[in-house]
Amino acid sequence: MDKGDFVLFSYAIEKNGQGKPLYGKDVQKHVKAKSLGWVHLDAYHDETPEWLRENVSYLDDTIIDALLASETRPRVTFHEKGAMVILRGMNFNQDADPEDMISIRLWIDESRIISVQRRPLKAVEDIKNALENGHGPKDSGTFLAMLCGFLFTRMQPVLSDINEQVDEIEENILEDSSPEIRQNLGELRKKIIIFKRYISPQKDVMAILRNSDLNWLGDNHAKLFQENYDRLTRYIEDFDMVRERSQIIKEEHMALVSDRMNKNMYSLSIIAGIFLPLGFITGLLGINVGGMPGVDNENAFMIVSIACVFCGLGFIGLFKLLKWI
C-alpha cells in the first residue's frame, strides 16, 4: 500500500483465526465475496467516501455519513443483516490525554467488516496483531466482542490512575490546603465527566448487542457482550464513587480553608480588641488643645507608656478570664 492510501490495511480472516493481508484489487473482491474480510479505512482520505458508496452500495447514506462523521457518540444501528457500531476507546497516542477518547466506526455483517478511523486506536492494533499471530477472531461476532474487550480492558489502568490521584489528594489535603488542590480536583472531575459521557452509551450498546437477533451473533457472543456490559457497569460505578469522593474532599478542603481563615480573623480580632482602646487613649492625648495633662511634666510620656502597657496586660487578662483566648 502507498503511504497515502485510504485503505490502511485489509485482511482475509480464516476460520483458524489467521489473517491473510489483502492488497490492491483483492480488497474490493474480498469485500464482495462471501468469505469474511476486514478492511480498515482512513476517514480523512478524500477517496474513502467514494470507495464506501461503490463497494457497500447497499448501505443507506445515513449510515455512510455516520461512519465518516467528524463527531460521533457510541451507538448501534441495525440495517438488514448487519449493524453499524460506533465505539470509543482511550487515547494512548503520544502526547495525548486519555480522556480525549478516540472513536472507531464499524459496519459489520456475517461476511465483511469495514472499520473507519480518524486517529490510531490501540485496540485496533491489538486485533491486527492477533490476526497476524494466528490468534485472531474466527467470525464477525467474535471480532466485535474481541474489539470491545480490548477497548474496555485498556480503560482499567486509566481508572486505577484516577483512583490513585484521588488517594494522593486526600492524603495531602491534611498537610496542604493550598488552592492548587481545588484546581486538581476540578480537573479530575472534568475528566470523569468526559469519560462517563462516552462510556455510559457504550454500556447501552453492549446491552443491545447482547439481545440482538442477528443470525451471526450467537449465545457465546451474547455472553461476551454481557461480560463487557458488566465491566462497563463497574467502571461507571467506580467513576461515580470517585466523583463522590472528590466532592467530599472538596468540601473537606473548603472546611479546612474556612477554619484557617476563622482562626486568622479571630487572632486579628483579639489584637484589635487590645490595641483599639490603647489607640483611643493615645489619640485622645494627641489632640492639640489647651489643658492637656502632663504637658509640662517631663516624665509624662514614660507614665503614659507604662500605663498603656498595664492596660494592654489588663485586657489580655480580661480576655483570658472570659476565655476568649
C-alpha atoms as a PDB file:
ATOM      1  CA  MET A   1       0.000   0.000   0.000  1.00  0.00           C
ATOM      2  CA  ASP A   2       1.117   3.515  -0.695  1.00  0.00           C
ATOM      3  CA  LYS A   3       1.728   5.699   2.301  1.00  0.00           C
ATOM      4  CA  GLY A   4      -1.214   7.897   1.418  1.00  0.00           C
ATOM      5  CA  ASP A   5      -3.623   5.021   0.621  1.00  0.00           C
ATOM      6  CA  PHE A   6      -7.086   5.334   2.126  1.00  0.00           C
ATOM      7  CA  VAL A   7      -7.066   1.580   2.873  1.00  0.00           C
ATOM      8  CA  LEU A   8      -4.814   1.461   5.927  1.00  0.00           C
ATOM      9  CA  PHE A   9      -4.801  -2.350   5.919  1.00  0.00           C
ATOM     10  CA  SER A  10      -7.028  -5.257   4.987  1.00  0.00           C
ATOM     11  CA  TYR A  11      -7.219  -8.949   5.921  1.00  0.00           C
ATOM     12  CA  ALA A  12      -8.984 -12.073   4.804  1.00  0.00           C
ATOM     13  CA  ILE A  13      -9.959 -13.750   8.076  1.00  0.00           C
ATOM     14  CA  GLU A  14      -9.708 -17.517   8.062  1.00  0.00           C
ATOM     15  CA  LYS A  15     -11.557 -19.994  10.264  1.00  0.00           C
ATOM     16  CA  ASN A  16      -8.485 -20.652  12.387  1.00  0.00           C
ATOM     17  CA  GLY A  17      -8.122 -17.020  13.427  1.00  0.00           C
ATOM     18  CA  GLN A  18      -5.321 -16.283  10.973  1.00  0.00           C
ATOM     19  CA  GLY A  19      -5.403 -13.068   8.968  1.00  0.00           C
ATOM     20  CA  LYS A  20      -4.138 -13.005   5.387  1.00  0.00           C
ATOM     21  CA  PRO A  21      -3.185  -9.474   4.212  1.00  0.00           C
ATOM     22  CA  LEU A  22      -5.007  -8.169   1.135  1.00  0.00           C
ATOM     23  CA  TYR A  23      -3.707  -5.588  -1.313  1.00  0.00           C
ATOM     24  CA  GLY A  24      -4.904  -3.687  -4.355  1.00  0.00           C
ATOM     25  CA  LYS A  25      -7.897  -5.106  -6.203  1.00  0.00           C
ATOM     26  CA  ASP A  26      -8.035  -8.126  -3.891  1.00  0.00           C
ATOM     27  CA  VAL A  27      -9.506  -5.833  -1.240  1.00  0.00           C
ATOM     28  CA  GLN A  28     -12.559  -4.946  -3.349  1.00  0.00           C
ATOM     29  CA  LYS A  29     -13.000  -8.562  -4.476  1.00  0.00           C
ATOM     30  CA  HIS A  30     -12.944  -9.885  -0.938  1.00  0.00           C
ATOM     31  CA  VAL A  31     -15.390  -7.254   0.319  1.00  0.00           C
ATOM     32  CA  LYS A  32     -17.958  -8.534  -2.196  1.00  0.00           C
ATOM     33  CA  ALA A  33     -17.208 -12.213  -1.508  1.00  0.00           C
ATOM     34  CA  LYS A  34     -18.945 -14.466   1.000  1.00  0.00           C
ATOM     35  CA  SER A  35     -15.792 -15.205   2.999  1.00  0.00           C
ATOM     36  CA  LEU A  36     -15.006 -12.985   5.981  1.00  0.00           C
ATOM     37  CA  GLY A  37     -12.767  -9.986   5.402  1.00  0.00           C
ATOM     38  CA  TRP A  38     -11.767  -6.846   7.284  1.00  0.00           C
ATOM     39  CA  VAL A  39     -10.966  -3.501   5.667  1.00  0.00           C
ATOM     40  CA  HIS A  40      -9.684  -0.631   7.780  1.00  0.00           C
ATOM     41  CA  LEU A  41     -10.096   2.822   6.205  1.00  0.00           C
ATOM     42  CA  ASP A  42      -8.813   6.340   6.820  1.00  0.00           C
ATOM     43  CA  ALA A  43     -11.777   8.688   7.348  1.00  0.00           C
ATOM     44  CA  TYR A  44      -9.711  11.735   6.402  1.00  0.00           C
ATOM     45  CA  HIS A  45      -8.815  10.468   2.922  1.00  0.00           C
ATOM     46  CA  ASP A  46     -10.811  12.019   0.074  1.00  0.00           C
ATOM     47  CA  GLU A  47     -11.338   8.665  -1.654  1.00  0.00           C
ATOM     48  CA  THR A  48     -12.868   6.907   1.355  1.00  0.00           C
ATOM     49  CA  PRO A  49     -16.487   8.124   0.839  1.00  0.00           C
ATOM     50  CA  GLU A  50     -16.429   7.135  -2.827  1.00  0.00           C
ATOM     51  CA  TRP A  51     -14.969   3.712  -2.001  1.00  0.00           C
ATOM     52  CA  LEU A  52     -17.687   3.062   0.581  1.00  0.00           C
ATOM     53  CA  ARG A  53     -20.512   4.036  -1.773  1.00  0.00           C
ATOM     54  CA  GLU A  54     -19.053   1.895  -4.524  1.00  0.00           C
ATOM     55  CA  ASN A  55     -18.254  -1.267  -2.555  1.00  0.00           C
ATOM     56  CA  VAL A  56     -21.014  -1.262   0.054  1.00  0.00           C
ATOM     57  CA  SER A  57     -23.684   0.416  -2.034  1.00  0.00           C
ATOM     58  CA  TYR A  58     -26.455  -1.428  -0.180  1.00  0.00           C
ATOM     59  CA  LEU A  59     -25.865   0.821   2.874  1.00  0.00           C
ATOM     60  CA  ASP A  60     -28.035   3.861   3.469  1.00  0.00           C
ATOM     61  CA  ASP A  61     -26.404   7.237   3.001  1.00  0.00           C
ATOM     62  CA  THR A  62     -27.169   7.972   6.665  1.00  0.00           C
ATOM     63  CA  ILE A  63     -25.017   5.017   7.731  1.00  0.00           C
ATOM     64  CA  ILE A  64     -22.155   6.014   5.433  1.00  0.00           C
ATOM     65  CA  ASP A  65     -22.374   9.596   6.679  1.00  0.00           C
ATOM     66  CA  ALA A  66     -22.268   8.322  10.278  1.00  0.00           C
ATOM     67  CA  LEU A  67     -19.166   6.254   9.509  1.00  0.00           C
ATOM     68  CA  LEU A  68     -17.433   9.374   8.226  1.00  0.00           C
ATOM     69  CA  ALA A  69     -18.847  11.995  10.622  1.00  0.00           C
ATOM     70  CA  SER A  70     -16.371  14.233  12.410  1.00  0.00           C
ATOM     71  CA  GLU A  71     -18.179  13.934  15.757  1.00  0.00           C
ATOM     72  CA  THR A  72     -19.886  10.752  16.931  1.00  0.00           C
ATOM     73  CA  ARG A  73     -21.241   9.189  20.086  1.00  0.00           C
ATOM     74  CA  PRO A  74     -21.287   5.442  20.823  1.00  0.00           C
ATOM     75  CA  ARG A  75     -24.347   3.746  19.335  1.00  0.00           C
ATOM     76  CA  VAL A  76     -25.514   0.770  17.298  1.00  0.00           C
ATOM     77  CA  THR A  77     -27.855   0.785  14.299  1.00  0.00           C
ATOM     78  CA  PHE A  78     -29.121  -2.379  12.615  1.00  0.00           C
ATOM     79  CA  HIS A  79     -29.601  -2.473   8.861  1.00  0.00           C
ATOM     80  CA  GLU A  80     -30.776  -5.584   7.028  1.00  0.00           C
ATOM     81  CA  LYS A  81     -28.453  -8.377   8.263  1.00  0.00           C
ATOM     82  CA  GLY A  82     -25.683  -6.162   9.604  1.00  0.00           C
ATOM     83  CA  ALA A  83     -25.015  -3.446  12.128  1.00  0.00           C
ATOM     84  CA  MET A  84     -23.280  -0.102  12.291  1.00  0.00           C
ATOM     85  CA  VAL A  85     -21.429   0.119  15.599  1.00  0.00           C
ATOM     86  CA  ILE A  86     -19.656   3.213  16.897  1.00  0.00           C
ATOM     87  CA  LEU A  87     -17.444   2.853  19.953  1.00  0.00           C
ATOM     88  CA  ARG A  88     -14.865   4.931  21.804  1.00  0.00           C
ATOM     89  CA  GLY A  89     -11.518   3.993  23.293  1.00  0.00           C
ATOM     90  CA  MET A  90      -8.908   5.704  25.443  1.00  0.00           C
ATOM     91  CA  ASN A  91      -6.411   7.872  23.610  1.00  0.00           C
ATOM     92  CA  PHE A  92      -2.978   6.372  24.244  1.00  0.00           C
ATOM     93  CA  ASN A  93      -1.263   8.154  21.367  1.00  0.00           C
ATOM     94  CA  GLN A  94       1.908  10.080  22.124  1.00  0.00           C
ATOM     95  CA  ASP A  95       1.408  13.455  23.878  1.00  0.00           C
ATOM     96  CA  ALA A  96      -2.355  12.838  24.073  1.00  0.00           C
ATOM     97  CA  ASP A  97      -4.755  12.797  27.010  1.00  0.00           C
ATOM     98  CA  PRO A  98      -6.630   9.511  27.626  1.00  0.00           C
ATOM     99  CA  GLU A  99      -9.897  11.413  28.141  1.00  0.00           C
ATOM    100  CA  ASP A 100      -9.692  12.645  24.538  1.00  0.00           C
ATOM    101  CA  MET A 101     -11.358   9.387  23.555  1.00  0.00           C
ATOM    102  CA  ILE A 102     -10.983   8.085  20.003  1.00  0.00           C
ATOM    103  CA  SER A 103     -13.911   6.741  18.004  1.00  0.00           C
ATOM    104  CA  ILE A 104     -13.917   3.566  15.936  1.00  0.00           C
ATOM    105  CA  ARG A 105     -16.768   3.211  13.438  1.00  0.00           C
ATOM    106  CA  LEU A 106     -17.755  -0.226  12.101  1.00  0.00           C
ATOM    107  CA  TRP A 107     -20.045  -1.724   9.530  1.00  0.00           C
ATOM    108  CA  ILE A 108     -20.176  -5.406  10.320  1.00  0.00           C
ATOM    109  CA  ASP A 109     -22.158  -8.334   8.999  1.00  0.00           C
ATOM    110  CA  GLU A 110     -21.592 -12.038   8.598  1.00  0.00           C
ATOM    111  CA  SER A 111     -19.027 -11.815   5.783  1.00  0.00           C
ATOM    112  CA  ARG A 112     -17.450  -8.375   5.977  1.00  0.00           C
ATOM    113  CA  ILE A 113     -16.072  -5.922   8.491  1.00  0.00           C
ATOM    114  CA  ILE A 114     -15.405  -2.344   7.436  1.00  0.00           C
ATOM    115  CA  SER A 115     -13.874  -0.078  10.061  1.00  0.00           C
ATOM    116  CA  VAL A 116     -13.143   3.632   9.762  1.00  0.00           C
ATOM    117  CA  GLN A 117     -10.784   5.644  11.941  1.00  0.00           C
ATOM    118  CA  ARG A 118      -9.839   9.293  12.250  1.00  0.00           C
ATOM    119  CA  ARG A 119      -6.965   8.640  14.669  1.00  0.00           C
ATOM    120  CA  PRO A 120      -4.976   5.489  15.542  1.00  0.00           C
ATOM    121  CA  LEU A 121      -6.509   3.305  18.232  1.00  0.00           C
ATOM    122  CA  LYS A 122      -4.573   0.733  20.252  1.00  0.00           C
ATOM    123  CA  ALA A 123      -7.447  -1.776  20.319  1.00  0.00           C
ATOM    124  CA  VAL A 124      -7.425  -1.914  16.510  1.00  0.00           C
ATOM    125  CA  GLU A 125      -3.711  -2.693  16.592  1.00  0.00           C
ATOM    126  CA  ASP A 126      -4.436  -5.436  19.141  1.00  0.00           C
ATOM    127  CA  ILE A 127      -6.878  -7.113  16.737  1.00  0.00           C
ATOM    128  CA  LYS A 128      -4.433  -6.708  13.854  1.00  0.00           C
ATOM    129  CA  ASN A 129      -1.586  -8.281  15.839  1.00  0.00           C
ATOM    130  CA  ALA A 130      -3.819 -11.149  16.943  1.00  0.00           C
ATOM    131  CA  LEU A 131      -4.719 -11.919  13.313  1.00  0.00           C
ATOM    132  CA  GLU A 132      -1.095 -11.822  12.231  1.00  0.00           C
ATOM    133  CA  ASN A 133      -0.146 -14.213  15.028  1.00  0.00           C
ATOM    134  CA  GLY A 134      -2.972 -16.624  14.272  1.00  0.00           C
ATOM    135  CA  HIS A 135      -4.903 -15.859  17.465  1.00  0.00           C
ATOM    136  CA  GLY A 136      -7.486 -13.535  15.966  1.00  0.00           C
ATOM    137  CA  PRO A 137     -11.270 -13.774  15.755  1.00  0.00           C
ATOM    138  CA  LYS A 138     -12.759 -16.538  13.649  1.00  0.00           C
ATOM    139  CA  ASP A 139     -16.063 -14.841  12.783  1.00  0.00           C
ATOM    140  CA  SER A 140     -17.733 -11.438  12.789  1.00  0.00           C
ATOM    141  CA  GLY A 141     -19.353 -11.838  16.191  1.00  0.00           C
ATOM    142  CA  THR A 142     -16.076 -12.808  17.831  1.00  0.00           C
ATOM    143  CA  PHE A 143     -14.338  -9.892  16.084  1.00  0.00           C
ATOM    144  CA  LEU A 144     -16.825  -7.417  17.536  1.00  0.00           C
ATOM    145  CA  ALA A 145     -16.714  -8.966  21.006  1.00  0.00           C
ATOM    146  CA  MET A 146     -12.904  -9.085  20.955  1.00  0.00           C
ATOM    147  CA  LEU A 147     -12.645  -5.462  19.830  1.00  0.00           C
ATOM    148  CA  CYS A 148     -14.976  -4.401  22.668  1.00  0.00           C
ATOM    149  CA  GLY A 149     -12.898  -6.427  25.109  1.00  0.00           C
ATOM    150  CA  PHE A 150      -9.655  -4.759  24.006  1.00  0.00           C
ATOM    151  CA  LEU A 151     -11.260  -1.310  24.147  1.00  0.00           C
ATOM    152  CA  PHE A 152     -12.695  -1.730  27.619  1.00  0.00           C
ATOM    153  CA  THR A 153      -9.772  -3.621  29.152  1.00  0.00           C
ATOM    154  CA  ARG A 154      -7.462  -0.735  28.275  1.00  0.00           C
ATOM    155  CA  MET A 155      -9.700   1.583  30.312  1.00  0.00           C
ATOM    156  CA  GLN A 156      -8.794  -0.139  33.602  1.00  0.00           C
ATOM    157  CA  PRO A 157      -5.293   1.403  34.028  1.00  0.00           C
ATOM    158  CA  VAL A 158      -6.729   4.889  33.456  1.00  0.00           C
ATOM    159  CA  LEU A 159      -9.385   4.319  36.091  1.00  0.00           C
ATOM    160  CA  SER A 160      -6.770   2.985  38.520  1.00  0.00           C
ATOM    161  CA  ASP A 161      -4.649   6.076  37.888  1.00  0.00           C
ATOM    162  CA  ILE A 162      -7.606   8.332  38.683  1.00  0.00           C
ATOM    163  CA  ASN A 163      -8.191   6.456  41.947  1.00  0.00           C
ATOM    164  CA  GLU A 164      -4.525   6.897  42.843  1.00  0.00           C
ATOM    165  CA  GLN A 165      -4.746  10.627  42.133  1.00  0.00           C
ATOM    166  CA  VAL A 166      -7.750  10.921  44.451  1.00  0.00           C
ATOM    167  CA  ASP A 167      -5.927   8.953  47.165  1.00  0.00           C
ATOM    168  CA  GLU A 168      -2.902  11.240  46.836  1.00  0.00           C
ATOM    169  CA  ILE A 169      -5.001  14.378  47.044  1.00  0.00           C
ATOM    170  CA  GLU A 170      -6.884  13.031  50.049  1.00  0.00           C
ATOM    171  CA  GLU A 171      -3.596  12.185  51.762  1.00  0.00           C
ATOM    172  CA  ASN A 172      -2.044  15.592  51.094  1.00  0.00           C
ATOM    173  CA  ILE A 173      -5.055  17.711  51.942  1.00  0.00           C
ATOM    174  CA  LEU A 174      -4.419  17.471  55.696  1.00  0.00           C
ATOM    175  CA  GLU A 175      -0.902  18.807  55.214  1.00  0.00           C
ATOM    176  CA  ASP A 176      -1.541  21.313  52.461  1.00  0.00           C
ATOM    177  CA  SER A 177      -4.806  23.124  51.783  1.00  0.00           C
ATOM    178  CA  SER A 178      -3.492  25.333  49.008  1.00  0.00           C
ATOM    179  CA  PRO A 179      -5.771  26.480  46.146  1.00  0.00           C
ATOM    180  CA  GLU A 180      -3.869  24.119  43.827  1.00  0.00           C
ATOM    181  CA  ILE A 181      -5.670  21.173  45.422  1.00  0.00           C
ATOM    182  CA  ARG A 182      -9.043  22.604  44.446  1.00  0.00           C
ATOM    183  CA  GLN A 183      -7.762  23.110  40.909  1.00  0.00           C
ATOM    184  CA  ASN A 184      -6.570  19.496  40.727  1.00  0.00           C
ATOM    185  CA  LEU A 185      -9.917  18.270  41.986  1.00  0.00           C
ATOM    186  CA  GLY A 186     -11.687  20.359  39.354  1.00  0.00           C
ATOM    187  CA  GLU A 187      -9.561  18.867  36.573  1.00  0.00           C
ATOM    188  CA  LEU A 188     -10.188  15.376  37.922  1.00  0.00           C
ATOM    189  CA  ARG A 189     -13.952  15.877  37.988  1.00  0.00           C
ATOM    190  CA  LYS A 190     -13.808  17.230  34.433  1.00  0.00           C
ATOM    191  CA  LYS A 191     -12.024  14.061  33.286  1.00  0.00           C
ATOM    192  CA  ILE A 192     -14.652  11.895  34.948  1.00  0.00           C
ATOM    193  CA  ILE A 193     -17.466  13.799  33.220  1.00  0.00           C
ATOM    194  CA  ILE A 194     -15.805  13.297  29.825  1.00  0.00           C
ATOM    195  CA  PHE A 195     -15.216   9.591  30.452  1.00  0.00           C
ATOM    196  CA  LYS A 196     -18.806   8.992  31.557  1.00  0.00           C
ATOM    197  CA  ARG A 197     -20.102  10.906  28.565  1.00  0.00           C
ATOM    198  CA  TYR A 198     -18.711   8.236  26.243  1.00  0.00           C
ATOM    199  CA  ILE A 199     -18.609   5.153  28.467  1.00  0.00           C
ATOM    200  CA  SER A 200     -22.264   5.224  29.551  1.00  0.00           C
ATOM    201  CA  PRO A 201     -23.650   4.964  25.977  1.00  0.00           C
ATOM    202  CA  GLN A 202     -21.298   2.050  25.290  1.00  0.00           C
ATOM    203  CA  LYS A 203     -22.968   0.175  28.122  1.00  0.00           C
ATOM    204  CA  ASP A 204     -26.255   0.592  26.236  1.00  0.00           C
ATOM    205  CA  VAL A 205     -24.568  -0.628  23.042  1.00  0.00           C
ATOM    206  CA  MET A 206     -23.451  -3.812  24.828  1.00  0.00           C
ATOM    207  CA  ALA A 207     -26.993  -4.370  26.107  1.00  0.00           C
ATOM    208  CA  ILE A 208     -28.429  -4.009  22.597  1.00  0.00           C
ATOM    209  CA  LEU A 209     -25.848  -6.345  21.047  1.00  0.00           C
ATOM    210  CA  ARG A 210     -26.358  -8.858  23.863  1.00  0.00           C
ATOM    211  CA  ASN A 211     -30.055  -9.093  22.995  1.00  0.00           C
ATOM    212  CA  SER A 212     -29.618  -8.868  19.232  1.00  0.00           C
ATOM    213  CA  ASP A 213     -31.326 -11.447  16.981  1.00  0.00           C
ATOM    214  CA  LEU A 214     -28.740 -11.233  14.170  1.00  0.00           C
ATOM    215  CA  ASN A 215     -28.030 -14.756  12.982  1.00  0.00           C
ATOM    216  CA  TRP A 216     -24.223 -14.276  13.163  1.00  0.00           C
ATOM    217  CA  LEU A 217     -24.381 -13.336  16.830  1.00  0.00           C
ATOM    218  CA  GLY A 218     -24.819 -16.484  18.914  1.00  0.00           C
ATOM    219  CA  ASP A 219     -25.111 -17.327  22.588  1.00  0.00           C
ATOM    220  CA  ASN A 220     -21.338 -17.321  23.067  1.00  0.00           C
ATOM    221  CA  HIS A 221     -21.147 -13.800  21.677  1.00  0.00           C
ATOM    222  CA  ALA A 222     -24.014 -12.739  23.949  1.00  0.00           C
ATOM    223  CA  LYS A 223     -22.004 -13.974  26.942  1.00  0.00           C
ATOM    224  CA  LEU A 224     -19.003 -11.907  25.843  1.00  0.00           C
ATOM    225  CA  PHE A 225     -21.181  -8.818  25.410  1.00  0.00           C
ATOM    226  CA  GLN A 226     -22.656  -9.470  28.855  1.00  0.00           C
ATOM    227  CA  GLU A 227     -19.146  -9.615  30.294  1.00  0.00           C
ATOM    228  CA  ASN A 228     -18.288  -6.294  28.635  1.00  0.00           C
ATOM    229  CA  TYR A 229     -21.590  -4.877  29.894  1.00  0.00           C
ATOM    230  CA  ASP A 230     -20.690  -5.871  33.458  1.00  0.00           C
ATOM    231  CA  ARG A 231     -17.195  -4.419  33.049  1.00  0.00           C
ATOM    232  CA  LEU A 232     -18.588  -1.058  31.892  1.00  0.00           C
ATOM    233  CA  THR A 233     -21.108  -1.116  34.738  1.00  0.00           C
ATOM    234  CA  ARG A 234     -18.213  -1.443  37.216  1.00  0.00           C
ATOM    235  CA  TYR A 235     -16.351   1.387  35.511  1.00  0.00           C
ATOM    236  CA  ILE A 236     -19.360   3.681  35.716  1.00  0.00           C
ATOM    237  CA  GLU A 237     -19.909   2.784  39.381  1.00  0.00           C
ATOM    238  CA  ASP A 238     -16.232   3.465  40.079  1.00  0.00           C
ATOM    239  CA  PHE A 239     -16.447   6.822  38.305  1.00  0.00           C
ATOM    240  CA  ASP A 240     -19.492   7.724  40.403  1.00  0.00           C
ATOM    241  CA  MET A 241     -17.633   6.720  43.550  1.00  0.00           C
ATOM    242  CA  VAL A 242     -14.578   8.783  42.562  1.00  0.00           C
ATOM    243  CA  ARG A 243     -16.777  11.772  41.798  1.00  0.00           C
ATOM    244  CA  GLU A 244     -18.454  11.483  45.204  1.00  0.00           C
ATOM    245  CA  ARG A 245     -15.068  11.139  46.904  1.00  0.00           C
ATOM    246  CA  SER A 246     -13.748  14.188  45.093  1.00  0.00           C
ATOM    247  CA  GLN A 247     -16.811  16.153  46.217  1.00  0.00           C
ATOM    248  CA  ILE A 248     -16.231  15.089  49.835  1.00  0.00           C
ATOM    249  CA  ILE A 249     -12.546  16.026  49.563  1.00  0.00           C
ATOM    250  CA  LYS A 250     -13.529  19.391  48.115  1.00  0.00           C
ATOM    251  CA  GLU A 251     -15.899  20.029  50.999  1.00  0.00           C
ATOM    252  CA  GLU A 252     -13.214  18.973  53.490  1.00  0.00           C
ATOM    253  CA  HIS A 253     -10.722  21.265  51.776  1.00  0.00           C
ATOM    254  CA  MET A 254     -13.149  24.174  51.949  1.00  0.00           C
ATOM    255  CA  ALA A 255     -13.772  23.425  55.645  1.00  0.00           C
ATOM    256  CA  LEU A 256     -10.039  23.474  56.362  1.00  0.00           C
ATOM    257  CA  VAL A 257      -9.622  26.739  54.490  1.00  0.00           C
ATOM    258  CA  SER A 258     -12.587  28.191  56.346  1.00  0.00           C
ATOM    259  CA  ASP A 259     -11.194  27.046  59.713  1.00  0.00           C
ATOM    260  CA  ARG A 260      -7.821  28.582  58.934  1.00  0.00           C
ATOM    261  CA  MET A 261      -9.457  31.835  57.890  1.00  0.00           C
ATOM    262  CA  ASN A 262     -11.596  31.903  61.028  1.00  0.00           C
ATOM    263  CA  LYS A 263      -8.513  31.372  63.186  1.00  0.00           C
ATOM    264  CA  ASN A 264      -6.727  34.214  61.440  1.00  0.00           C
ATOM    265  CA  MET A 265      -9.738  36.501  61.831  1.00  0.00           C
ATOM    266  CA  TYR A 266     -10.022  35.508  65.483  1.00  0.00           C
ATOM    267  CA  SER A 267      -6.363  36.389  66.096  1.00  0.00           C
ATOM    268  CA  LEU A 268      -6.793  39.722  64.342  1.00  0.00           C
ATOM    269  CA  SER A 269      -9.909  40.420  66.400  1.00  0.00           C
ATOM    270  CA  ILE A 270      -8.008  39.767  69.666  1.00  0.00           C
ATOM    271  CA  ILE A 271      -5.195  42.073  68.567  1.00  0.00           C
ATOM    272  CA  ALA A 272      -7.702  44.733  67.559  1.00  0.00           C
ATOM    273  CA  GLY A 273      -9.506  44.294  70.905  1.00  0.00           C
ATOM    274  CA  ILE A 274      -6.254  45.009  72.756  1.00  0.00           C
ATOM    275  CA  PHE A 275      -4.944  47.892  70.705  1.00  0.00           C
ATOM    276  CA  LEU A 276      -8.197  49.684  69.923  1.00  0.00           C
ATOM    277  CA  PRO A 277      -8.618  51.113  73.476  1.00  0.00           C
ATOM    278  CA  LEU A 278      -4.907  51.956  73.550  1.00  0.00           C
ATOM    279  CA  GLY A 279      -5.266  53.739  70.223  1.00  0.00           C
ATOM    280  CA  PHE A 280      -8.172  55.686  71.649  1.00  0.00           C
ATOM    281  CA  ILE A 281      -6.106  56.767  74.678  1.00  0.00           C
ATOM    282  CA  THR A 282      -3.086  57.821  72.616  1.00  0.00           C
ATOM    283  CA  GLY A 283      -5.331  59.576  70.134  1.00  0.00           C
ATOM    284  CA  LEU A 284      -7.081  61.468  72.906  1.00  0.00           C
ATOM    285  CA  LEU A 285      -3.759  62.554  74.406  1.00  0.00           C
ATOM    286  CA  GLY A 286      -2.513  63.649  70.988  1.00  0.00           C
ATOM    287  CA  ILE A 287      -5.087  66.366  70.332  1.00  0.00           C
ATOM    288  CA  ASN A 288      -3.615  69.863  70.097  1.00  0.00           C
ATOM    289  CA  VAL A 289      -5.796  71.738  72.572  1.00  0.00           C
ATOM    290  CA  GLY A 290      -5.008  73.539  75.759  1.00  0.00           C
ATOM    291  CA  GLY A 291      -5.294  71.928  79.165  1.00  0.00           C
ATOM    292  CA  MET A 292      -3.680  68.618  78.182  1.00  0.00           C
ATOM    293  CA  PRO A 293      -2.352  66.919  81.373  1.00  0.00           C
ATOM    294  CA  GLY A 294       1.366  66.330  81.622  1.00  0.00           C
ATOM    295  CA  VAL A 295       2.357  68.918  79.040  1.00  0.00           C
ATOM    296  CA  ASP A 296       4.803  70.494  81.479  1.00  0.00           C
ATOM    297  CA  ASN A 297       5.852  67.203  83.097  1.00  0.00           C
ATOM    298  CA  GLU A 298       8.987  65.721  81.545  1.00  0.00           C
ATOM    299  CA  ASN A 299       8.053  62.222  82.863  1.00  0.00           C
ATOM    300  CA  ALA A 300       4.550  62.270  81.341  1.00  0.00           C
ATOM    301  CA  PHE A 301       5.498  60.229  78.241  1.00  0.00           C
ATOM    302  CA  MET A 302       7.041  57.499  80.400  1.00  0.00           C
ATOM    303  CA  ILE A 303       3.993  57.454  82.661  1.00  0.00           C
ATOM    304  CA  VAL A 304       1.598  57.153  79.686  1.00  0.00           C
ATOM    305  CA  SER A 305       3.712  54.405  78.092  1.00  0.00           C
ATOM    306  CA  ILE A 306       3.767  52.378  81.292  1.00  0.00           C
ATOM    307  CA  ALA A 307       0.029  52.930  81.721  1.00  0.00           C
ATOM    308  CA  CYS A 308      -0.584  51.658  78.168  1.00  0.00           C
ATOM    309  CA  VAL A 309       1.476  48.533  78.879  1.00  0.00           C
ATOM    310  CA  PHE A 310      -0.511  47.801  82.005  1.00  0.00           C
ATOM    311  CA  CYS A 311      -3.753  48.476  80.178  1.00  0.00           C
ATOM    312  CA  GLY A 312      -2.719  46.018  77.455  1.00  0.00           C
ATOM    313  CA  LEU A 313      -1.822  43.382  80.052  1.00  0.00           C
ATOM    314  CA  GLY A 314      -5.113  44.073  81.787  1.00  0.00           C
ATOM    315  CA  PHE A 315      -7.066  43.477  78.549  1.00  0.00           C
ATOM    316  CA  ILE A 316      -5.169  40.231  77.955  1.00  0.00           C
ATOM    317  CA  GLY A 317      -6.024  39.094  81.495  1.00  0.00           C
ATOM    318  CA  LEU A 318      -9.667  40.060  80.969  1.00  0.00           C
ATOM    319  CA  PHE A 319      -9.850  38.103  77.665  1.00  0.00           C
ATOM    320  CA  LYS A 320      -8.361  35.052  79.379  1.00  0.00           C
ATOM    321  CA  LEU A 321     -10.849  35.394  82.209  1.00  0.00           C
ATOM    322  CA  LEU A 322     -13.660  35.489  79.649  1.00  0.00           C
ATOM    323  CA  LYS A 323     -11.999  32.516  77.866  1.00  0.00           C
ATOM    324  CA  TRP A 324     -11.705  34.435  74.610  1.00  0.00           C
ATOM    325  CA  ILE A 325      -8.082  33.406  74.341  1.00  0.00           C
END
